[in-house]
Amino acid sequence: MHESAWPALPLSEWEETYLTLQRLLQIAGKVALAHAPPMNHWWHVALRVTPRGLSTHVLDHVDLHYVITFDFCSHEFVVEASDGRIERFPLSPMPVAEFYERALATLRMLGIRVKIHPVPVEVTDTTAFPDDRRHASYDRESVERLHQILLSADRVFRVHRGQYRGKSSPSHFFWGAFDLAVTRFSGRPNHQPPADPVMREAYSHEVVSHGFWPGGDWITGRRMPEPVFYAYATPEPPGFRDARVLPATAAYAPEFGEFVLPYEAVRLSDRPEEALLEFMKSTYAAAAHCGGWPASV
């Protein structure tokens, strides 16, 4: 059961597909940015994990409502509209530039016209989508493994969210950094908000966030060579990075400003879900204690 629910996904074996898929998802995410009603902390643009893949929230264009799905079971890009029409095309190895044109053409077939900023974010190579012919990989097996990991992690994240009485985010996928995340809020404003306006909205209040990230290059120039679960607090309270957390395979990574738990340590444990939940509970408890969060949450 562990192998099927928590499959191996070494970064070195699928990084080219990962880098391509990250850009494809960003195209859909930018459409969501244009056609979804704004929500606090950018929740409206995040994608949802579904039994078939990753989907946007319901998007709106004039009187038409629609959803974009990356179907990782049938490997298709799918747009479902409220008038009953469905348009799709296969997900297969193709340059980002070709996918970009096909995705916008598919939307136009449904009468959906949208203008997006065609430049990827939170990546080191910012070649515009219409010009990107370098990223063109799509390995089905790796994508299916990623999907299964997201499903398994999402289940644990939803359990963690359900155990909290205060404000918390859904378990959702952020297409910029390519991570699945869930966030708890103390209810107090962040008195050290980031200067960047996008990050300022994301971190307007004190938070403790947990997530899954496949690893890779970060825009700061740092690299995570393997998939990990992470935990961080913003703003980080004094003493948090020195806290003792569980399981023993978790450690604070100062170059990233967060605790990390290798995915392999979870996957290979006797009880992966319990190991992950233990990590989330212990890191939250440490952050809340160090930050003096209200006892009511």
Protein backbone atom coordinates (compact mmCIF):
# COMPACT_ATOMS: atom_id res chain seq x y z
CA MET A 1 0.00 0.00 0.00
CA HIS A 2 2.80 2.43 0.85
CA GLU A 3 4.43 2.04 -2.56
CA SER A 4 1.21 2.79 -4.44
CA ALA A 5 0.12 5.65 -2.17
CA TRP A 6 3.58 7.13 -1.71
CA PRO A 7 5.59 6.30 -4.87
CA ALA A 8 9.23 7.18 -5.40
CA LEU A 9 9.86 10.37 -7.38
CA PRO A 10 13.61 11.13 -7.52
CA LEU A 11 14.15 14.64 -8.81
CA SER A 12 16.91 13.53 -11.17
CA GLU A 13 14.57 11.17 -13.02
CA TRP A 14 11.89 13.68 -13.99
CA GLU A 15 13.27 17.20 -13.62
CA GLU A 16 12.85 18.07 -17.30
CA THR A 17 9.19 17.05 -17.17
CA TYR A 18 8.82 18.95 -13.89
CA LEU A 19 10.24 22.16 -15.37
CA THR A 20 7.95 21.88 -18.39
CA LEU A 21 4.85 21.06 -16.36
CA GLN A 22 5.55 23.96 -14.01
CA ARG A 23 5.26 26.35 -16.95
CA LEU A 24 2.15 24.69 -18.35
CA LEU A 25 0.40 25.00 -15.00
CA GLN A 26 1.43 28.64 -14.77
CA ILE A 27 -0.41 29.38 -18.01
CA ALA A 28 -3.64 28.03 -16.49
CA GLY A 29 -2.90 29.82 -13.23
CA LYS A 30 -2.50 33.14 -15.00
CA VAL A 31 -5.86 32.61 -16.70
CA ALA A 32 -7.32 32.09 -13.23
CA LEU A 33 -5.67 35.31 -12.12
CA ALA A 34 -7.56 37.11 -14.90
CA HIS A 35 -10.96 35.43 -14.51
CA ALA A 36 -11.41 34.53 -10.82
CA PRO A 37 -12.84 36.93 -8.21
CA PRO A 38 -9.99 38.01 -5.91
CA MET A 39 -9.57 36.35 -2.53
CA ASN A 40 -7.25 37.10 0.35
CA HIS A 41 -3.72 35.68 0.19
CA TRP A 42 -4.13 34.80 -3.54
CA TRP A 43 -6.27 31.77 -2.74
CA HIS A 44 -8.34 32.35 -5.89
CA VAL A 45 -5.45 31.53 -8.21
CA ALA A 46 -4.30 28.33 -6.49
CA LEU A 47 -5.15 24.98 -8.08
CA ARG A 48 -7.09 22.16 -6.43
CA VAL A 49 -5.99 18.54 -6.19
CA THR A 50 -8.70 16.31 -7.63
CA PRO A 51 -8.97 12.54 -8.19
CA ARG A 52 -8.00 13.17 -11.82
CA GLY A 53 -5.31 15.84 -11.50
CA LEU A 54 -5.17 19.58 -10.85
CA SER A 55 -7.99 22.04 -11.54
CA THR A 56 -8.72 25.73 -11.23
CA HIS A 57 -11.63 27.02 -9.20
CA VAL A 58 -14.70 28.00 -11.21
CA LEU A 59 -13.69 30.87 -13.50
CA ASP A 60 -16.00 33.46 -15.06
CA HIS A 61 -16.05 35.08 -18.50
CA VAL A 62 -19.08 37.30 -19.14
CA ASP A 63 -22.00 34.88 -18.52
CA LEU A 64 -19.97 31.71 -19.03
CA HIS A 65 -18.47 29.76 -16.13
CA TYR A 66 -15.69 27.26 -16.70
CA VAL A 67 -13.00 25.10 -15.12
CA ILE A 68 -9.57 24.21 -16.47
CA THR A 69 -8.25 20.78 -15.55
CA PHE A 70 -4.94 19.05 -16.11
CA ASP A 71 -6.19 15.48 -16.23
CA PHE A 72 -3.29 13.27 -15.17
CA CYS A 73 -5.33 10.07 -15.60
CA SER A 74 -6.18 10.49 -19.28
CA HIS A 75 -3.33 13.00 -19.78
CA GLU A 76 -5.41 15.79 -21.26
CA PHE A 77 -5.84 19.54 -20.94
CA VAL A 78 -9.59 19.97 -20.42
CA VAL A 79 -11.86 23.01 -20.33
CA GLU A 80 -15.44 22.42 -19.13
CA ALA A 81 -17.99 25.19 -19.63
CA SER A 82 -21.32 25.85 -17.92
CA ASP A 83 -23.20 25.55 -21.24
CA GLY A 84 -22.25 21.88 -21.44
CA ARG A 85 -19.42 22.21 -23.93
CA ILE A 86 -16.08 20.52 -23.26
CA GLU A 87 -12.87 21.07 -25.20
CA ARG A 88 -9.65 19.13 -24.70
CA PHE A 89 -6.33 18.15 -26.21
CA PRO A 90 -3.69 15.58 -25.19
CA LEU A 91 -0.89 16.34 -22.75
CA SER A 92 2.22 15.02 -24.46
CA PRO A 93 5.80 16.08 -25.11
CA MET A 94 5.58 19.50 -26.76
CA PRO A 95 7.33 22.85 -26.39
CA VAL A 96 5.79 25.31 -23.95
CA ALA A 97 5.29 27.69 -26.91
CA GLU A 98 3.07 25.14 -28.67
CA PHE A 99 1.08 24.37 -25.52
CA TYR A 100 0.56 28.08 -24.93
CA GLU A 101 -0.95 28.56 -28.39
CA ARG A 102 -3.11 25.44 -28.12
CA ALA A 103 -4.40 26.33 -24.65
CA LEU A 104 -5.46 29.84 -25.68
CA ALA A 105 -6.98 28.48 -28.90
CA THR A 106 -8.97 25.93 -26.88
CA LEU A 107 -10.34 28.71 -24.70
CA ARG A 108 -11.25 30.76 -27.79
CA MET A 109 -13.23 27.80 -29.15
CA LEU A 110 -15.51 28.28 -26.15
CA GLY A 111 -15.68 32.02 -26.64
CA ILE A 112 -13.24 32.70 -23.81
CA ARG A 113 -10.74 35.41 -24.61
CA VAL A 114 -8.11 36.25 -22.04
CA LYS A 115 -4.88 38.22 -21.98
CA ILE A 116 -2.17 37.12 -19.57
CA HIS A 117 1.36 38.24 -18.82
CA PRO A 118 3.18 35.48 -20.76
CA VAL A 119 6.26 35.24 -18.56
CA PRO A 120 6.77 32.49 -15.94
CA VAL A 121 7.34 33.47 -12.32
CA GLU A 122 9.39 31.99 -9.47
CA VAL A 123 11.75 30.25 -11.90
CA THR A 124 15.33 30.99 -12.90
CA ASP A 125 14.67 30.77 -16.66
CA THR A 126 12.04 33.40 -17.45
CA THR A 127 11.78 32.83 -21.20
CA ALA A 128 8.32 33.99 -22.28
CA PHE A 129 5.82 31.22 -23.02
CA PRO A 130 5.47 32.06 -26.75
CA ASP A 131 9.25 31.84 -27.15
CA ASP A 132 9.97 28.80 -24.98
CA ARG A 133 10.86 25.81 -27.14
CA ARG A 134 13.46 24.44 -24.72
CA HIS A 135 11.04 23.00 -22.17
CA ALA A 136 9.17 20.24 -23.99
CA SER A 137 9.21 17.11 -21.81
CA TYR A 138 6.23 15.14 -20.56
CA ASP A 139 6.80 11.73 -18.99
CA ARG A 140 3.44 10.17 -18.19
CA GLU A 141 4.65 7.82 -15.46
CA SER A 142 6.38 10.62 -13.55
CA VAL A 143 3.29 12.83 -13.77
CA GLU A 144 1.12 9.98 -12.49
CA ARG A 145 3.50 9.47 -9.58
CA LEU A 146 3.37 13.18 -8.76
CA HIS A 147 -0.42 13.06 -8.86
CA GLN A 148 -0.51 10.15 -6.42
CA ILE A 149 1.84 11.96 -4.02
CA LEU A 150 -0.33 15.08 -4.18
CA LEU A 151 -3.44 13.01 -3.44
CA SER A 152 -1.78 11.32 -0.44
CA ALA A 153 -0.32 14.55 0.92
CA ASP A 154 -3.57 16.43 0.36
CA ARG A 155 -5.41 13.89 2.49
CA VAL A 156 -3.03 14.48 5.42
CA PHE A 157 -3.07 18.25 4.90
CA ARG A 158 -6.88 18.24 5.11
CA VAL A 159 -6.74 16.27 8.35
CA HIS A 160 -4.26 18.80 9.75
CA ARG A 161 -6.45 21.70 8.65
CA GLY A 162 -9.53 20.13 10.25
CA GLN A 163 -7.84 20.00 13.65
CA TYR A 164 -7.47 23.78 13.82
CA ARG A 165 -10.10 26.20 15.15
CA GLY A 166 -8.63 29.39 13.75
CA LYS A 167 -8.44 30.68 10.20
CA SER A 168 -6.68 28.31 7.84
CA SER A 169 -6.26 28.00 4.12
CA PRO A 170 -7.52 25.13 2.01
CA SER A 171 -4.98 22.54 0.98
CA HIS A 172 -4.11 23.96 -2.43
CA PHE A 173 -1.43 23.95 -5.11
CA PHE A 174 0.51 27.10 -5.92
CA TRP A 175 1.67 27.02 -9.53
CA GLY A 176 4.44 29.59 -9.09
CA ALA A 177 6.67 27.63 -6.75
CA PHE A 178 5.02 24.29 -7.68
CA ASP A 179 4.08 23.30 -4.15
CA LEU A 180 1.07 21.95 -2.30
CA ALA A 181 0.47 24.00 0.85
CA VAL A 182 -1.82 24.51 3.81
CA THR A 183 -1.53 27.51 6.16
CA ARG A 184 -2.70 28.37 9.68
CA PHE A 185 -3.18 31.98 10.83
CA SER A 186 -2.75 33.39 14.33
CA GLY A 187 -5.31 36.13 13.67
CA ARG A 188 -2.74 38.87 14.23
CA PRO A 189 -1.28 41.17 11.54
CA ASN A 190 2.28 40.58 10.40
CA HIS A 191 4.22 43.60 11.69
CA GLN A 192 7.16 42.71 9.43
CA PRO A 193 5.40 42.44 6.04
CA PRO A 194 7.54 41.78 2.94
CA ALA A 195 8.29 44.73 0.66
CA ASP A 196 7.17 42.89 -2.48
CA PRO A 197 3.44 43.61 -3.01
CA VAL A 198 2.63 40.02 -4.03
CA MET A 199 4.35 38.59 -0.96
CA ARG A 200 2.88 41.32 1.22
CA GLU A 201 -0.63 40.11 0.38
CA ALA A 202 0.38 36.48 0.96
CA TYR A 203 1.94 37.26 4.34
CA SER A 204 -0.23 40.12 5.60
CA HIS A 205 -0.80 38.15 8.83
CA GLU A 206 1.21 35.79 11.03
CA VAL A 207 1.23 32.29 9.57
CA VAL A 208 2.60 28.81 9.96
CA SER A 209 2.69 27.04 6.64
CA HIS A 210 3.28 23.42 5.68
CA GLY A 211 3.72 21.96 2.25
CA PHE A 212 5.17 19.51 -0.23
CA TRP A 213 7.75 20.63 -2.80
CA PRO A 214 9.43 18.34 -5.37
CA GLY A 215 12.70 20.21 -4.89
CA GLY A 216 14.92 21.76 -7.53
CA ASP A 217 16.34 25.23 -8.05
CA TRP A 218 14.93 28.12 -6.05
CA ILE A 219 14.93 31.68 -7.36
CA THR A 220 17.40 32.69 -4.63
CA GLY A 221 20.02 30.48 -6.28
CA ARG A 222 19.70 27.69 -3.72
CA ARG A 223 18.88 24.12 -4.69
CA MET A 224 16.98 21.34 -2.95
CA PRO A 225 18.19 18.05 -4.48
CA GLU A 226 15.16 15.96 -3.45
CA PRO A 227 11.44 16.24 -2.76
CA VAL A 228 10.60 17.44 0.75
CA PHE A 229 7.84 18.39 3.11
CA TYR A 230 8.44 21.78 4.71
CA ALA A 231 7.30 23.93 7.62
CA TYR A 232 7.95 27.62 8.21
CA ALA A 233 6.61 30.53 10.23
CA THR A 234 6.26 34.10 8.96
CA PRO A 235 7.52 36.15 10.64
CA GLU A 236 9.83 33.56 12.14
CA PRO A 237 9.71 33.86 15.95
CA PRO A 238 12.90 33.72 18.03
CA GLY A 239 13.85 30.18 18.98
CA PHE A 240 11.80 28.46 16.29
CA ARG A 241 14.75 27.22 14.25
CA ASP A 242 16.29 25.66 17.37
CA ALA A 243 13.16 23.77 18.37
CA ARG A 244 13.16 19.98 18.57
CA VAL A 245 10.62 18.60 16.16
CA LEU A 246 9.47 15.18 15.00
CA PRO A 247 10.27 12.85 13.38
CA ALA A 248 14.04 12.67 13.91
CA THR A 249 14.68 12.86 10.16
CA ALA A 250 13.37 16.45 10.07
CA ALA A 251 15.85 19.33 10.38
CA TYR A 252 15.98 23.10 10.01
CA ALA A 253 17.45 24.26 6.69
CA PRO A 254 18.78 27.79 7.31
CA GLU A 255 19.35 28.45 3.60
CA PHE A 256 15.60 28.08 3.05
CA GLY A 257 14.41 29.39 6.43
CA GLU A 258 12.27 26.34 7.16
CA PHE A 259 12.19 22.86 8.61
CA VAL A 260 12.36 20.15 5.98
CA LEU A 261 11.43 16.49 6.13
CA PRO A 262 12.70 14.41 3.17
CA TYR A 263 9.88 12.83 1.23
CA GLU A 264 11.82 9.57 1.15
CA ALA A 265 11.83 9.46 4.96
CA VAL A 266 8.04 9.64 4.92
CA ARG A 267 7.62 7.23 2.02
CA LEU A 268 9.81 4.56 3.59
CA SER A 269 8.41 4.82 7.11
CA ASP A 270 6.09 2.16 8.48
CA ARG A 271 3.25 4.69 8.76
CA PRO A 272 3.79 7.51 6.24
CA GLU A 273 0.64 9.45 7.07
CA GLU A 274 1.38 9.39 10.79
CA ALA A 275 4.98 10.48 10.20
CA LEU A 276 3.85 13.44 8.10
CA LEU A 277 1.14 14.46 10.55
CA GLU A 278 3.67 14.22 13.40
CA PHE A 279 5.93 16.63 11.49
CA MET A 280 3.11 19.09 10.90
CA LYS A 281 1.87 18.97 14.49
CA SER A 282 5.30 19.33 16.10
CA THR A 283 6.47 22.20 13.87
CA TYR A 284 3.20 24.06 14.33
CA ALA A 285 3.41 23.60 18.11
CA ALA A 286 6.99 24.92 18.12
CA ALA A 287 6.11 27.97 16.03
CA ALA A 288 2.98 28.77 18.03
CA HIS A 289 4.86 28.43 21.32
CA CYS A 290 7.82 30.56 20.20
CA GLY A 291 5.52 33.14 18.66
CA GLY A 292 3.09 33.34 21.59
CA TRP A 293 0.05 32.56 19.49
CA PRO A 294 -3.32 33.00 21.27
CA ALA A 295 -4.40 29.86 23.14
CA SER A 296 -7.82 30.06 21.45
CA VAL A 297 -6.28 28.83 18.20
